[in-house]
PDB file of N, CA and C in Angstrom:
ATOM      1  N   MET A   1       0.827  -1.194   0.000  1.00  0.00           N
ATOM      2  CA  MET A   1       0.000   0.000   0.000  1.00  0.00           C
ATOM      3  C   MET A   1       0.870   1.257   0.000  1.00  0.00           C
ATOM      4  N   PHE A   2       1.993   1.202   0.705  1.00  0.00           N
ATOM      5  CA  PHE A   2       2.876   2.365   0.755  1.00  0.00           C
ATOM      6  C   PHE A   2       3.292   2.781  -0.649  1.00  0.00           C
ATOM      7  N   THR A   3       3.754   1.829  -1.450  1.00  0.00           N
ATOM      8  CA  THR A   3       4.224   2.141  -2.798  1.00  0.00           C
ATOM      9  C   THR A   3       3.094   2.680  -3.667  1.00  0.00           C
ATOM     10  N   TYR A   4       1.918   2.118  -3.542  1.00  0.00           N
ATOM     11  CA  TYR A   4       0.761   2.600  -4.294  1.00  0.00           C
ATOM     12  C   TYR A   4       0.521   4.081  -3.999  1.00  0.00           C
ATOM     13  N   PHE A   5       0.455   4.444  -2.721  1.00  0.00           N
ATOM     14  CA  PHE A   5       0.183   5.826  -2.364  1.00  0.00           C
ATOM     15  C   PHE A   5       1.375   6.744  -2.667  1.00  0.00           C
ATOM     16  N   LEU A   6       2.587   6.220  -2.580  1.00  0.00           N
ATOM     17  CA  LEU A   6       3.749   7.010  -2.963  1.00  0.00           C
ATOM     18  C   LEU A   6       3.661   7.398  -4.436  1.00  0.00           C
ATOM     19  N   LEU A   7       3.358   6.437  -5.295  1.00  0.00           N
ATOM     20  CA  LEU A   7       3.250   6.718  -6.720  1.00  0.00           C
ATOM     21  C   LEU A   7       2.083   7.650  -7.030  1.00  0.00           C
ATOM     22  N   GLN A   8       0.956   7.458  -6.364  1.00  0.00           N
ATOM     23  CA  GLN A   8      -0.188   8.354  -6.545  1.00  0.00           C
ATOM     24  C   GLN A   8       0.168   9.779  -6.120  1.00  0.00           C
ATOM     25  N   GLY A   9       0.854   9.881  -4.992  1.00  0.00           N
ATOM     26  CA  GLY A   9       1.256  11.190  -4.491  1.00  0.00           C
ATOM     27  C   GLY A   9       2.218  11.899  -5.425  1.00  0.00           C
ATOM     28  N   LEU A  10       3.207  11.172  -5.924  1.00  0.00           N
ATOM     29  CA  LEU A  10       4.179  11.760  -6.851  1.00  0.00           C
ATOM     30  C   LEU A  10       3.531  12.155  -8.178  1.00  0.00           C
ATOM     31  N   ALA A  11       2.459  11.473  -8.545  1.00  0.00           N
ATOM     32  CA  ALA A  11       1.739  11.789  -9.777  1.00  0.00           C
ATOM     33  C   ALA A  11       0.839  13.005  -9.626  1.00  0.00           C
ATOM     34  N   GLY A  12       0.707  13.525  -8.394  1.00  0.00           N
ATOM     35  CA  GLY A  12      -0.063  14.747  -8.198  1.00  0.00           C
ATOM     36  C   GLY A  12      -1.054  14.738  -7.057  1.00  0.00           C
ATOM     37  N   ALA A  13      -1.421  13.571  -6.561  1.00  0.00           N
ATOM     38  CA  ALA A  13      -2.417  13.513  -5.496  1.00  0.00           C
ATOM     39  C   ALA A  13      -1.954  14.194  -4.214  1.00  0.00           C
ATOM     40  N   ALA A  14      -0.643  14.296  -4.013  1.00  0.00           N
ATOM     41  CA  ALA A  14      -0.119  14.912  -2.792  1.00  0.00           C
ATOM     42  C   ALA A  14       0.128  16.413  -2.933  1.00  0.00           C
ATOM     43  N   ASP A  15      -0.099  16.979  -4.108  1.00  0.00           N
ATOM     44  CA  ASP A  15       0.163  18.414  -4.332  1.00  0.00           C
ATOM     45  C   ASP A  15      -0.913  19.244  -3.646  1.00  0.00           C
ATOM     46  N   SER A  16      -0.803  19.382  -2.346  1.00  0.00           N
ATOM     47  CA  SER A  16      -1.856  20.004  -1.539  1.00  0.00           C
ATOM     48  C   SER A  16      -2.041  21.494  -1.815  1.00  0.00           C
ATOM     49  N   ASN A  17      -1.001  22.189  -2.248  1.00  0.00           N
ATOM     50  CA  ASN A  17      -1.159  23.615  -2.536  1.00  0.00           C
ATOM     51  C   ASN A  17      -1.382  23.883  -4.025  1.00  0.00           C
ATOM     52  N   HIS A  18      -1.474  22.825  -4.822  1.00  0.00           N
ATOM     53  CA  HIS A  18      -1.803  22.883  -6.251  1.00  0.00           C
ATOM     54  C   HIS A  18      -0.886  23.815  -7.045  1.00  0.00           C
ATOM     55  N   ASN A  19       0.417  23.759  -6.733  1.00  0.00           N
ATOM     56  CA  ASN A  19       1.371  24.612  -7.455  1.00  0.00           C
ATOM     57  C   ASN A  19       2.141  23.859  -8.529  1.00  0.00           C
ATOM     58  N   GLY A  20       1.826  22.589  -8.740  1.00  0.00           N
ATOM     59  CA  GLY A  20       2.477  21.806  -9.778  1.00  0.00           C
ATOM     60  C   GLY A  20       3.755  21.115  -9.342  1.00  0.00           C
ATOM     61  N   THR A  21       4.107  21.219  -8.069  1.00  0.00           N
ATOM     62  CA  THR A  21       5.299  20.564  -7.531  1.00  0.00           C
ATOM     63  C   THR A  21       4.925  19.807  -6.266  1.00  0.00           C
ATOM     64  N   VAL A  22       5.338  18.557  -6.180  1.00  0.00           N
ATOM     65  CA  VAL A  22       5.127  17.758  -4.966  1.00  0.00           C
ATOM     66  C   VAL A  22       6.435  17.790  -4.183  1.00  0.00           C
ATOM     67  N   THR A  23       6.369  18.265  -2.945  1.00  0.00           N
ATOM     68  CA  THR A  23       7.546  18.330  -2.085  1.00  0.00           C
ATOM     69  C   THR A  23       7.572  17.165  -1.104  1.00  0.00           C
ATOM     70  N   THR A  24       8.701  17.005  -0.433  1.00  0.00           N
ATOM     71  CA  THR A  24       8.803  15.939   0.562  1.00  0.00           C
ATOM     72  C   THR A  24       7.779  16.131   1.678  1.00  0.00           C
ATOM     73  N   GLY A  25       7.532  17.372   2.049  1.00  0.00           N
ATOM     74  CA  GLY A  25       6.533  17.643   3.086  1.00  0.00           C
ATOM     75  C   GLY A  25       5.141  17.238   2.653  1.00  0.00           C
ATOM     76  N   GLU A  26       4.789  17.558   1.412  1.00  0.00           N
ATOM     77  CA  GLU A  26       3.464  17.200   0.900  1.00  0.00           C
ATOM     78  C   GLU A  26       3.314  15.690   0.783  1.00  0.00           C
ATOM     79  N   ILE A  27       4.339  15.018   0.265  1.00  0.00           N
ATOM     80  CA  ILE A  27       4.229  13.568   0.103  1.00  0.00           C
ATOM     81  C   ILE A  27       4.149  12.883   1.464  1.00  0.00           C
ATOM     82  N   PHE A  28       4.915  13.375   2.440  1.00  0.00           N
ATOM     83  CA  PHE A  28       4.867  12.761   3.762  1.00  0.00           C
ATOM     84  C   PHE A  28       3.484  12.931   4.392  1.00  0.00           C
ATOM     85  N   GLU A  29       2.901  14.122   4.299  1.00  0.00           N
ATOM     86  CA  GLU A  29       1.564  14.338   4.865  1.00  0.00           C
ATOM     87  C   GLU A  29       0.534  13.454   4.164  1.00  0.00           C
ATOM     88  N   TYR A  30       0.649  13.314   2.866  1.00  0.00           N
ATOM     89  CA  TYR A  30      -0.258  12.468   2.091  1.00  0.00           C
ATOM     90  C   TYR A  30      -0.125  11.002   2.515  1.00  0.00           C
ATOM     91  N   LEU A  31       1.113  10.536   2.637  1.00  0.00           N
ATOM     92  CA  LEU A  31       1.350   9.149   3.042  1.00  0.00           C
ATOM     93  C   LEU A  31       0.903   8.908   4.484  1.00  0.00           C
ATOM     94  N   LYS A  32       1.207   9.860   5.357  1.00  0.00           N
ATOM     95  CA  LYS A  32       0.863   9.736   6.779  1.00  0.00           C
ATOM     96  C   LYS A  32      -0.649   9.628   6.974  1.00  0.00           C
ATOM     97  N   LYS A  33      -1.414  10.261   6.098  1.00  0.00           N
ATOM     98  CA  LYS A  33      -2.873  10.200   6.182  1.00  0.00           C
ATOM     99  C   LYS A  33      -3.430   8.929   5.531  1.00  0.00           C
ATOM    100  N   ASN A  34      -2.984   8.625   4.324  1.00  0.00           N
ATOM    101  CA  ASN A  34      -3.621   7.586   3.518  1.00  0.00           C
ATOM    102  C   ASN A  34      -3.168   6.162   3.803  1.00  0.00           C
ATOM    103  N   VAL A  35      -1.893   5.959   4.069  1.00  0.00           N
ATOM    104  CA  VAL A  35      -1.387   4.597   4.268  1.00  0.00           C
ATOM    105  C   VAL A  35      -1.997   3.941   5.509  1.00  0.00           C
ATOM    106  N   PRO A  36      -2.007   4.599   6.675  1.00  0.00           N
ATOM    107  CA  PRO A  36      -2.628   3.945   7.840  1.00  0.00           C
ATOM    108  C   PRO A  36      -4.118   3.650   7.637  1.00  0.00           C
ATOM    109  N   GLN A  37      -4.828   4.571   6.955  1.00  0.00           N
ATOM    110  CA  GLN A  37      -6.254   4.338   6.690  1.00  0.00           C
ATOM    111  C   GLN A  37      -6.447   3.105   5.825  1.00  0.00           C
ATOM    112  N   ALA A  38      -5.637   2.973   4.791  1.00  0.00           N
ATOM    113  CA  ALA A  38      -5.782   1.855   3.847  1.00  0.00           C
ATOM    114  C   ALA A  38      -5.329   0.525   4.428  1.00  0.00           C
ATOM    115  N   THR A  39      -4.497   0.564   5.457  1.00  0.00           N
ATOM    116  CA  THR A  39      -3.956  -0.681   6.027  1.00  0.00           C
ATOM    117  C   THR A  39      -4.481  -0.955   7.434  1.00  0.00           C
ATOM    118  N   ASN A  40      -5.528  -0.256   7.829  1.00  0.00           N
ATOM    119  CA  ASN A  40      -6.086  -0.414   9.184  1.00  0.00           C
ATOM    120  C   ASN A  40      -5.005  -0.271  10.257  1.00  0.00           C
ATOM    121  N   GLY A  41      -4.111   0.702  10.039  1.00  0.00           N
ATOM    122  CA  GLY A  41      -3.074   0.980  11.019  1.00  0.00           C
ATOM    123  C   GLY A  41      -1.889   0.034  11.000  1.00  0.00           C
ATOM    124  N   GLN A  42      -1.847  -0.893  10.045  1.00  0.00           N
ATOM    125  CA  GLN A  42      -0.745  -1.856   9.975  1.00  0.00           C
ATOM    126  C   GLN A  42       0.557  -1.202   9.498  1.00  0.00           C
ATOM    127  N   GLN A  43       0.454  -0.169   8.665  1.00  0.00           N
ATOM    128  CA  GLN A  43       1.623   0.555   8.174  1.00  0.00           C
ATOM    129  C   GLN A  43       1.486   2.016   8.578  1.00  0.00           C
ATOM    130  N   ASN A  44       2.553   2.586   9.129  1.00  0.00           N
ATOM    131  CA  ASN A  44       2.551   3.961   9.597  1.00  0.00           C
ATOM    132  C   ASN A  44       3.855   4.643   9.187  1.00  0.00           C
ATOM    133  N   PRO A  45       3.844   5.378   8.061  1.00  0.00           N
ATOM    134  CA  PRO A  45       5.061   6.040   7.597  1.00  0.00           C
ATOM    135  C   PRO A  45       5.624   7.007   8.638  1.00  0.00           C
ATOM    136  N   ARG A  46       6.939   7.070   8.704  1.00  0.00           N
ATOM    137  CA  ARG A  46       7.644   7.951   9.644  1.00  0.00           C
ATOM    138  C   ARG A  46       8.682   8.761   8.883  1.00  0.00           C
ATOM    139  N   ALA A  47       8.936   9.971   9.343  1.00  0.00           N
ATOM    140  CA  ALA A  47       9.990  10.814   8.752  1.00  0.00           C
ATOM    141  C   ALA A  47      11.276  10.609   9.541  1.00  0.00           C
ATOM    142  N   MET A  48      12.375  10.636   8.832  1.00  0.00           N
ATOM    143  CA  MET A  48      13.702  10.501   9.453  1.00  0.00           C
ATOM    144  C   MET A  48      14.179  11.871   9.929  1.00  0.00           C
ATOM    145  N   SER A  49      15.127  11.893  10.853  1.00  0.00           N
ATOM    146  CA  SER A  49      15.716  13.161  11.260  1.00  0.00           C
ATOM    147  C   SER A  49      16.445  13.759  10.057  1.00  0.00           C
ATOM    148  N   GLY A  50      16.464  15.066   9.965  1.00  0.00           N
ATOM    149  CA  GLY A  50      17.069  15.729   8.827  1.00  0.00           C
ATOM    150  C   GLY A  50      16.094  15.886   7.665  1.00  0.00           C
ATOM    151  N   PHE A  51      14.839  15.565   7.900  1.00  0.00           N
ATOM    152  CA  PHE A  51      13.771  15.671   6.915  1.00  0.00           C
ATOM    153  C   PHE A  51      13.678  17.112   6.410  1.00  0.00           C
ATOM    154  N   ALA A  52      13.751  17.318   5.096  1.00  0.00           N
ATOM    155  CA  ALA A  52      13.671  18.649   4.482  1.00  0.00           C
ATOM    156  C   ALA A  52      12.327  18.785   3.763  1.00  0.00           C
ATOM    157  N   PRO A  53      11.307  19.352   4.414  1.00  0.00           N
ATOM    158  CA  PRO A  53       9.952  19.350   3.861  1.00  0.00           C
ATOM    159  C   PRO A  53       9.770  20.136   2.563  1.00  0.00           C
ATOM    160  N   SER A  54      10.657  21.065   2.261  1.00  0.00           N
ATOM    161  CA  SER A  54      10.465  21.874   1.055  1.00  0.00           C
ATOM    162  C   SER A  54      11.195  21.331  -0.172  1.00  0.00           C
ATOM    163  N   LEU A  55      11.853  20.197  -0.043  1.00  0.00           N
ATOM    164  CA  LEU A  55      12.595  19.602  -1.153  1.00  0.00           C
ATOM    165  C   LEU A  55      11.631  19.124  -2.237  1.00  0.00           C
ATOM    166  N   PRO A  56      11.751  19.630  -3.465  1.00  0.00           N
ATOM    167  CA  PRO A  56      10.863  19.174  -4.546  1.00  0.00           C
ATOM    168  C   PRO A  56      11.183  17.738  -4.949  1.00  0.00           C
ATOM    169  N   LEU A  57      10.159  16.915  -5.098  1.00  0.00           N
ATOM    170  CA  LEU A  57      10.325  15.521  -5.514  1.00  0.00           C
ATOM    171  C   LEU A  57       9.773  15.259  -6.906  1.00  0.00           C
ATOM    172  N   SER A  58       8.728  15.979  -7.276  1.00  0.00           N
ATOM    173  CA  SER A  58       8.050  15.728  -8.538  1.00  0.00           C
ATOM    174  C   SER A  58       7.490  17.031  -9.073  1.00  0.00           C
ATOM    175  N   THR A  59       7.692  17.271 -10.363  1.00  0.00           N
ATOM    176  CA  THR A  59       7.088  18.416 -11.039  1.00  0.00           C
ATOM    177  C   THR A  59       6.054  17.867 -12.002  1.00  0.00           C
ATOM    178  N   LEU A  60       4.840  18.356 -11.876  1.00  0.00           N
ATOM    179  CA  LEU A  60       3.732  17.826 -12.659  1.00  0.00           C
ATOM    180  C   LEU A  60       3.609  18.543 -13.995  1.00  0.00           C
ATOM    181  N   SER A  61       3.209  17.801 -15.018  1.00  0.00           N
ATOM    182  CA  SER A  61       2.897  18.430 -16.297  1.00  0.00           C
ATOM    183  C   SER A  61       1.635  19.259 -16.116  1.00  0.00           C
ATOM    184  N   ARG A  62       1.371  20.145 -17.040  1.00  0.00           N
ATOM    185  CA  ARG A  62       0.152  20.962 -16.945  1.00  0.00           C
ATOM    186  C   ARG A  62      -1.091  20.096 -16.885  1.00  0.00           C
ATOM    187  N   LEU A  63      -1.150  19.047 -17.709  1.00  0.00           N
ATOM    188  CA  LEU A  63      -2.313  18.169 -17.729  1.00  0.00           C
ATOM    189  C   LEU A  63      -2.471  17.446 -16.394  1.00  0.00           C
ATOM    190  N   ALA A  64      -1.392  16.885 -15.860  1.00  0.00           N
ATOM    191  CA  ALA A  64      -1.453  16.194 -14.573  1.00  0.00           C
ATOM    192  C   ALA A  64      -1.811  17.165 -13.472  1.00  0.00           C
ATOM    193  N   HIS A  65      -1.253  18.374 -13.536  1.00  0.00           N
ATOM    194  CA  HIS A  65      -1.523  19.403 -12.534  1.00  0.00           C
ATOM    195  C   HIS A  65      -3.008  19.769 -12.570  1.00  0.00           C
ATOM    196  N   ARG A  66      -3.552  19.943 -13.758  1.00  0.00           N
ATOM    197  CA  ARG A  66      -4.965  20.299 -13.919  1.00  0.00           C
ATOM    198  C   ARG A  66      -5.865  19.174 -13.410  1.00  0.00           C
ATOM    199  N   ASN A  67      -5.527  17.910 -13.741  1.00  0.00           N
ATOM    200  CA  ASN A  67      -6.314  16.763 -13.288  1.00  0.00           C
ATOM    201  C   ASN A  67      -6.259  16.611 -11.781  1.00  0.00           C
ATOM    202  N   ALA A  68      -5.092  16.800 -11.168  1.00  0.00           N
ATOM    203  CA  ALA A  68      -4.940  16.673  -9.717  1.00  0.00           C
ATOM    204  C   ALA A  68      -5.721  17.775  -9.004  1.00  0.00           C
ATOM    205  N   ALA A  69      -5.721  18.982  -9.545  1.00  0.00           N
ATOM    206  CA  ALA A  69      -6.422  20.103  -8.930  1.00  0.00           C
ATOM    207  C   ALA A  69      -7.935  19.929  -9.026  1.00  0.00           C
ATOM    208  N   GLY A  70      -8.403  19.179 -10.040  1.00  0.00           N
ATOM    209  CA  GLY A  70      -9.832  18.981 -10.231  1.00  0.00           C
ATOM    210  C   GLY A  70     -10.454  17.918  -9.359  1.00  0.00           C
ATOM    211  N   ARG A  71      -9.645  17.202  -8.569  1.00  0.00           N
ATOM    212  CA  ARG A  71     -10.157  16.149  -7.707  1.00  0.00           C
ATOM    213  C   ARG A  71     -11.124  16.659  -6.712  1.00  0.00           C
TER     214      ARG A  71
END
């Protein structure tokens, strides 16, 4: 389930501010919310020390950005 939500998040589902870039902070918040729900608490993502929340991980195309914002 973790990998499923990671890929969904990188594809745009985690772009919470809808700016076309998914950051480490956005992906972590997305994973922290969705993975435990989908696994009935069996998986609980954690951040490591030195976590840089503003680091860009994924830049969305205009089409992906538009589709993610329309959810």
